[in-house]
Structure formats: structure tokens, C-alpha cells
């Protein structure tokens, strides 16, 4: 469910402070645990490392990401493969 328009998007003040202290174009990475923070236009061009519960996932913010949450780009579940007999047959063919 979206946040109320009268409240505006949630942006963590600590992240905004870190971004304002950085110089654009540097290779510094902003580490954060705040997955619910909304990406703002000020964050475009910076690298972020968002915690997914086990490790930090790094990505750089581009213009198309504005309005999305940081957690959307740091998946918490790792997809291994589909199961079943068909999948085993496909893997056996690849080995041969």
C-alpha cells in the first residue's frame, strides 16, 4: 500500500545527510540498512550498498529508479532453480 500523498515519500534523514556530504563523481559507497527509504533525485549518480539480511548488495542509482524504494534493488531471496523431473532432464542434457 502506498504512503499517503499528504505525508510525502519517506526518506531517511541519515541517508540524505550522507549523500549531501559526498561529492558527485566519487567512488564512495553509501552503506545503509534502510530498505524502505524512497530514492530521490538527489541520489542519482551515487552508489548504494543496501543490506538484504545477510550481505550488502551494491548498485548505482540512475534516473529511472527515482520514486522506488532502496529495498527493491536488493533481493532478499536467492533463486536457485525450478524443481521437478523436467528440470533434472534439462540439466542432464547440458552435462552431455
N, C-alpha and C. Protein backbone atom coordinates (compact mmCIF):
# COMPACT_ATOMS: atom_id res chain seq x y z
N UNK A 1 0.84 -1.17 0.00
CA UNK A 1 0.00 0.00 0.00
C UNK A 1 0.89 1.24 0.00
N UNK A 2 0.56 2.21 -0.80
CA UNK A 2 1.37 3.41 -0.94
C UNK A 2 1.21 4.33 0.28
N UNK A 3 2.21 5.13 0.49
CA UNK A 3 2.17 6.10 1.58
C UNK A 3 1.25 7.25 1.20
N UNK A 4 0.61 7.85 2.17
CA UNK A 4 -0.32 8.95 1.93
C UNK A 4 0.37 10.11 1.22
N UNK A 5 -0.30 10.71 0.25
CA UNK A 5 0.29 11.82 -0.51
C UNK A 5 0.54 13.04 0.37
N UNK A 6 -0.31 13.26 1.37
CA UNK A 6 -0.12 14.43 2.23
C UNK A 6 1.15 14.30 3.09
N UNK A 7 1.56 13.06 3.39
CA UNK A 7 2.78 12.86 4.15
C UNK A 7 4.02 12.98 3.28
N UNK A 8 3.91 12.63 2.01
CA UNK A 8 5.07 12.65 1.12
C UNK A 8 5.86 11.37 1.25
N UNK A 9 6.87 11.19 0.38
CA UNK A 9 7.66 9.96 0.42
C UNK A 9 8.56 9.91 1.65
N UNK A 10 8.81 8.69 2.16
CA UNK A 10 9.70 8.53 3.30
C UNK A 10 11.14 8.50 2.81
N UNK A 11 11.93 9.43 3.32
CA UNK A 11 13.35 9.46 3.01
C UNK A 11 14.09 9.54 4.34
N UNK A 12 14.99 8.60 4.56
CA UNK A 12 15.75 8.55 5.81
C UNK A 12 16.68 9.76 5.89
N UNK A 13 16.59 10.57 6.96
CA UNK A 13 17.43 11.77 7.06
C UNK A 13 18.93 11.45 7.10
N UNK A 14 19.29 10.27 7.63
CA UNK A 14 20.71 9.91 7.67
C UNK A 14 21.27 9.72 6.26
N UNK A 15 20.47 9.13 5.38
CA UNK A 15 20.92 8.90 4.00
C UNK A 15 21.07 10.22 3.27
N UNK A 16 20.11 11.13 3.47
CA UNK A 16 20.19 12.45 2.81
C UNK A 16 21.45 13.18 3.27
N UNK A 17 21.78 13.09 4.56
CA UNK A 17 22.98 13.75 5.07
C UNK A 17 24.23 13.14 4.45
N UNK A 18 24.28 11.81 4.33
CA UNK A 18 25.44 11.15 3.73
C UNK A 18 25.60 11.54 2.26
N UNK A 19 24.49 11.64 1.54
CA UNK A 19 24.55 11.99 0.12
C UNK A 19 24.99 13.43 -0.07
N UNK A 20 24.52 14.33 0.79
CA UNK A 20 24.91 15.74 0.67
C UNK A 20 26.38 15.94 1.01
N UNK A 21 26.95 15.11 1.90
CA UNK A 21 28.35 15.23 2.26
C UNK A 21 29.28 14.70 1.17
N UNK A 22 28.77 13.80 0.32
CA UNK A 22 29.60 13.23 -0.75
C UNK A 22 29.69 14.19 -1.93
N UNK A 23 30.80 14.08 -2.65
CA UNK A 23 30.99 14.87 -3.86
C UNK A 23 30.56 14.01 -5.04
N UNK A 24 29.72 14.54 -5.94
CA UNK A 24 29.30 13.74 -7.11
C UNK A 24 30.49 13.28 -7.94
N UNK A 25 30.44 12.06 -8.40
CA UNK A 25 31.51 11.51 -9.22
C UNK A 25 32.53 10.71 -8.43
N UNK A 26 32.45 10.72 -7.10
CA UNK A 26 33.39 9.93 -6.31
C UNK A 26 32.94 8.47 -6.32
N UNK A 27 33.86 7.59 -5.98
CA UNK A 27 33.55 6.17 -5.98
C UNK A 27 33.12 5.68 -4.60
N UNK A 28 32.81 6.59 -3.69
CA UNK A 28 32.39 6.21 -2.34
C UNK A 28 31.01 5.55 -2.39
N UNK A 29 30.81 4.59 -1.50
CA UNK A 29 29.56 3.84 -1.44
C UNK A 29 28.83 4.20 -0.15
N UNK A 30 27.54 4.46 -0.26
CA UNK A 30 26.71 4.77 0.90
C UNK A 30 26.10 3.46 1.39
N UNK A 31 26.53 2.99 2.58
CA UNK A 31 26.01 1.76 3.16
C UNK A 31 24.78 2.08 3.99
N UNK A 32 23.73 1.26 3.84
CA UNK A 32 22.52 1.51 4.60
C UNK A 32 21.74 0.22 4.86
N UNK A 33 20.97 0.26 5.94
CA UNK A 33 20.05 -0.82 6.27
C UNK A 33 18.62 -0.37 5.99
N UNK A 34 18.45 0.87 5.59
CA UNK A 34 17.12 1.46 5.40
C UNK A 34 16.56 1.08 4.03
N UNK A 35 15.91 -0.08 3.96
CA UNK A 35 15.36 -0.58 2.70
C UNK A 35 14.09 0.17 2.30
N UNK A 36 13.42 0.80 3.27
CA UNK A 36 12.14 1.46 3.00
C UNK A 36 12.31 2.91 2.53
N UNK A 37 13.53 3.38 2.44
CA UNK A 37 13.80 4.75 2.02
C UNK A 37 13.51 4.91 0.52
N UNK A 38 12.80 5.96 0.16
CA UNK A 38 12.47 6.24 -1.23
C UNK A 38 13.65 6.93 -1.91
N UNK A 39 13.92 6.58 -3.16
CA UNK A 39 15.02 7.18 -3.91
C UNK A 39 14.56 8.54 -4.44
N UNK A 40 15.34 9.58 -4.17
CA UNK A 40 15.04 10.93 -4.60
C UNK A 40 16.00 11.35 -5.71
N UNK A 41 15.69 12.44 -6.43
CA UNK A 41 16.59 12.89 -7.50
C UNK A 41 17.99 13.27 -7.02
N UNK A 42 18.15 13.63 -5.76
CA UNK A 42 19.48 13.97 -5.23
C UNK A 42 20.40 12.76 -5.17
N UNK A 43 19.83 11.57 -5.15
CA UNK A 43 20.61 10.34 -5.02
C UNK A 43 21.12 9.81 -6.35
N UNK A 44 20.68 10.37 -7.46
CA UNK A 44 21.07 9.88 -8.79
C UNK A 44 22.57 10.06 -8.99
N UNK A 45 23.23 9.00 -9.43
CA UNK A 45 24.67 9.04 -9.70
C UNK A 45 25.53 8.50 -8.58
N UNK A 46 24.95 8.22 -7.44
CA UNK A 46 25.71 7.69 -6.31
C UNK A 46 25.55 6.18 -6.22
N UNK A 47 26.53 5.53 -5.57
CA UNK A 47 26.47 4.08 -5.35
C UNK A 47 25.95 3.84 -3.94
N UNK A 48 25.05 2.86 -3.84
CA UNK A 48 24.47 2.47 -2.56
C UNK A 48 24.75 1.00 -2.32
N UNK A 49 24.91 0.63 -1.05
CA UNK A 49 25.03 -0.76 -0.63
C UNK A 49 23.91 -0.98 0.38
N UNK A 50 22.89 -1.74 -0.03
CA UNK A 50 21.72 -1.97 0.81
C UNK A 50 21.77 -3.38 1.37
N UNK A 51 21.51 -3.50 2.66
CA UNK A 51 21.57 -4.79 3.34
C UNK A 51 20.34 -5.61 3.00
N UNK A 52 20.54 -6.88 2.66
CA UNK A 52 19.40 -7.74 2.33
C UNK A 52 19.11 -8.77 3.42
N UNK A 53 19.74 -8.61 4.58
CA UNK A 53 19.55 -9.54 5.67
C UNK A 53 20.76 -10.42 5.90
N UNK A 54 21.62 -10.52 4.89
CA UNK A 54 22.81 -11.37 5.00
C UNK A 54 24.06 -10.64 4.54
N UNK A 55 23.93 -9.82 3.49
CA UNK A 55 25.07 -9.12 2.92
C UNK A 55 24.60 -7.80 2.33
N UNK A 56 25.54 -6.98 1.93
CA UNK A 56 25.22 -5.72 1.28
C UNK A 56 25.26 -5.90 -0.23
N UNK A 57 24.21 -5.45 -0.90
CA UNK A 57 24.14 -5.53 -2.35
C UNK A 57 24.38 -4.13 -2.90
N UNK A 58 25.41 -3.99 -3.74
CA UNK A 58 25.77 -2.69 -4.29
C UNK A 58 25.09 -2.45 -5.62
N UNK A 59 24.67 -1.19 -5.83
CA UNK A 59 24.14 -0.77 -7.12
C UNK A 59 24.28 0.75 -7.20
N UNK A 60 24.31 1.26 -8.42
CA UNK A 60 24.34 2.71 -8.61
C UNK A 60 22.96 3.17 -9.05
N UNK A 61 22.56 4.32 -8.56
CA UNK A 61 21.22 4.84 -8.81
C UNK A 61 21.21 5.60 -10.14
N UNK A 62 20.21 5.29 -10.97
CA UNK A 62 20.02 6.01 -12.22
C UNK A 62 18.66 6.71 -12.19
N UNK A 63 18.38 7.52 -13.19
CA UNK A 63 17.16 8.34 -13.19
C UNK A 63 15.88 7.51 -13.14
N UNK A 64 15.88 6.34 -13.76
CA UNK A 64 14.66 5.51 -13.79
C UNK A 64 14.29 4.97 -12.42
N UNK A 65 15.19 4.99 -11.46
CA UNK A 65 14.94 4.44 -10.13
C UNK A 65 14.25 5.43 -9.20
N UNK A 66 14.16 6.69 -9.58
CA UNK A 66 13.57 7.71 -8.71
C UNK A 66 12.11 7.36 -8.43
N UNK A 67 11.76 7.40 -7.15
CA UNK A 67 10.40 7.06 -6.73
C UNK A 67 10.27 5.65 -6.21
N UNK A 68 11.24 4.79 -6.50
CA UNK A 68 11.23 3.42 -6.00
C UNK A 68 11.90 3.38 -4.62
N UNK A 69 11.80 2.24 -3.95
CA UNK A 69 12.44 2.06 -2.65
C UNK A 69 13.81 1.42 -2.84
N UNK A 70 14.73 1.67 -1.90
CA UNK A 70 16.06 1.08 -1.99
C UNK A 70 16.01 -0.44 -1.91
N UNK A 71 15.09 -0.97 -1.13
CA UNK A 71 14.99 -2.42 -0.94
C UNK A 71 14.58 -3.18 -2.20
N UNK A 72 14.00 -2.48 -3.18
CA UNK A 72 13.58 -3.15 -4.41
C UNK A 72 14.77 -3.65 -5.22
N UNK A 73 15.93 -3.06 -5.00
CA UNK A 73 17.12 -3.39 -5.79
C UNK A 73 18.10 -4.27 -5.01
N UNK A 74 17.66 -4.77 -3.87
CA UNK A 74 18.46 -5.66 -3.04
C UNK A 74 17.60 -6.86 -2.67
N UNK A 75 17.53 -7.88 -3.54
CA UNK A 75 16.63 -9.01 -3.27
C UNK A 75 17.04 -9.79 -2.02
N UNK A 76 16.03 -10.23 -1.27
CA UNK A 76 16.29 -10.94 -0.02
C UNK A 76 16.30 -12.44 -0.20
N UNK A 77 15.80 -12.92 -1.33
CA UNK A 77 15.75 -14.36 -1.58
C UNK A 77 16.54 -14.70 -2.82
N UNK A 78 17.26 -15.80 -2.75
CA UNK A 78 18.10 -16.23 -3.86
C UNK A 78 17.39 -17.34 -4.62
N UNK A 79 17.19 -17.13 -5.93
CA UNK A 79 16.55 -18.14 -6.76
C UNK A 79 17.59 -19.17 -7.17
N UNK A 80 17.35 -20.42 -6.86
CA UNK A 80 18.28 -21.48 -7.23
C UNK A 80 17.88 -22.09 -8.56
N UNK A 81 16.73 -22.76 -8.60
CA UNK A 81 16.23 -23.34 -9.84
C UNK A 81 14.85 -23.89 -9.58
N UNK A 82 14.15 -24.16 -10.66
CA UNK A 82 12.87 -24.85 -10.54
C UNK A 82 13.14 -26.33 -10.32
N UNK A 83 12.27 -26.99 -9.62
CA UNK A 83 12.45 -28.40 -9.35
C UNK A 83 11.68 -29.27 -10.33
N UNK A 84 11.69 -30.55 -10.12
CA UNK A 84 10.91 -31.47 -10.92
C UNK A 84 11.74 -32.28 -11.88
N UNK A 85 11.06 -33.23 -12.51
CA UNK A 85 11.72 -34.16 -13.42
C UNK A 85 12.22 -33.46 -14.69
N UNK A 86 11.44 -32.53 -15.22
CA UNK A 86 11.84 -31.83 -16.44
C UNK A 86 13.14 -31.05 -16.24
N UNK A 87 13.27 -30.42 -15.09
CA UNK A 87 14.48 -29.65 -14.80
C UNK A 87 15.70 -30.56 -14.70
N UNK A 88 15.53 -31.73 -14.08
CA UNK A 88 16.64 -32.67 -13.96
C UNK A 88 17.06 -33.19 -15.34
N UNK A 89 16.09 -33.44 -16.22
CA UNK A 89 16.40 -33.88 -17.57
C UNK A 89 17.17 -32.82 -18.35
N UNK A 90 16.78 -31.56 -18.21
CA UNK A 90 17.48 -30.47 -18.89
C UNK A 90 18.92 -30.36 -18.41
N UNK A 91 19.13 -30.48 -17.11
CA UNK A 91 20.49 -30.40 -16.56
C UNK A 91 21.34 -31.58 -17.02
N UNK A 92 20.74 -32.75 -17.14
CA UNK A 92 21.48 -33.92 -17.61
C UNK A 92 21.89 -33.75 -19.07
N UNK A 93 21.04 -33.12 -19.89
CA UNK A 93 21.39 -32.87 -21.29
C UNK A 93 22.52 -31.86 -21.42
N UNK A 94 22.54 -30.87 -20.56
CA UNK A 94 23.59 -29.86 -20.59
C UNK A 94 24.95 -30.46 -20.25
N UNK A 95 24.95 -31.42 -19.33
CA UNK A 95 26.21 -32.06 -18.93
C UNK A 95 26.80 -32.90 -20.07
N UNK A 96 25.94 -33.45 -20.92
CA UNK A 96 26.42 -34.30 -22.02
C UNK A 96 26.87 -33.51 -23.18
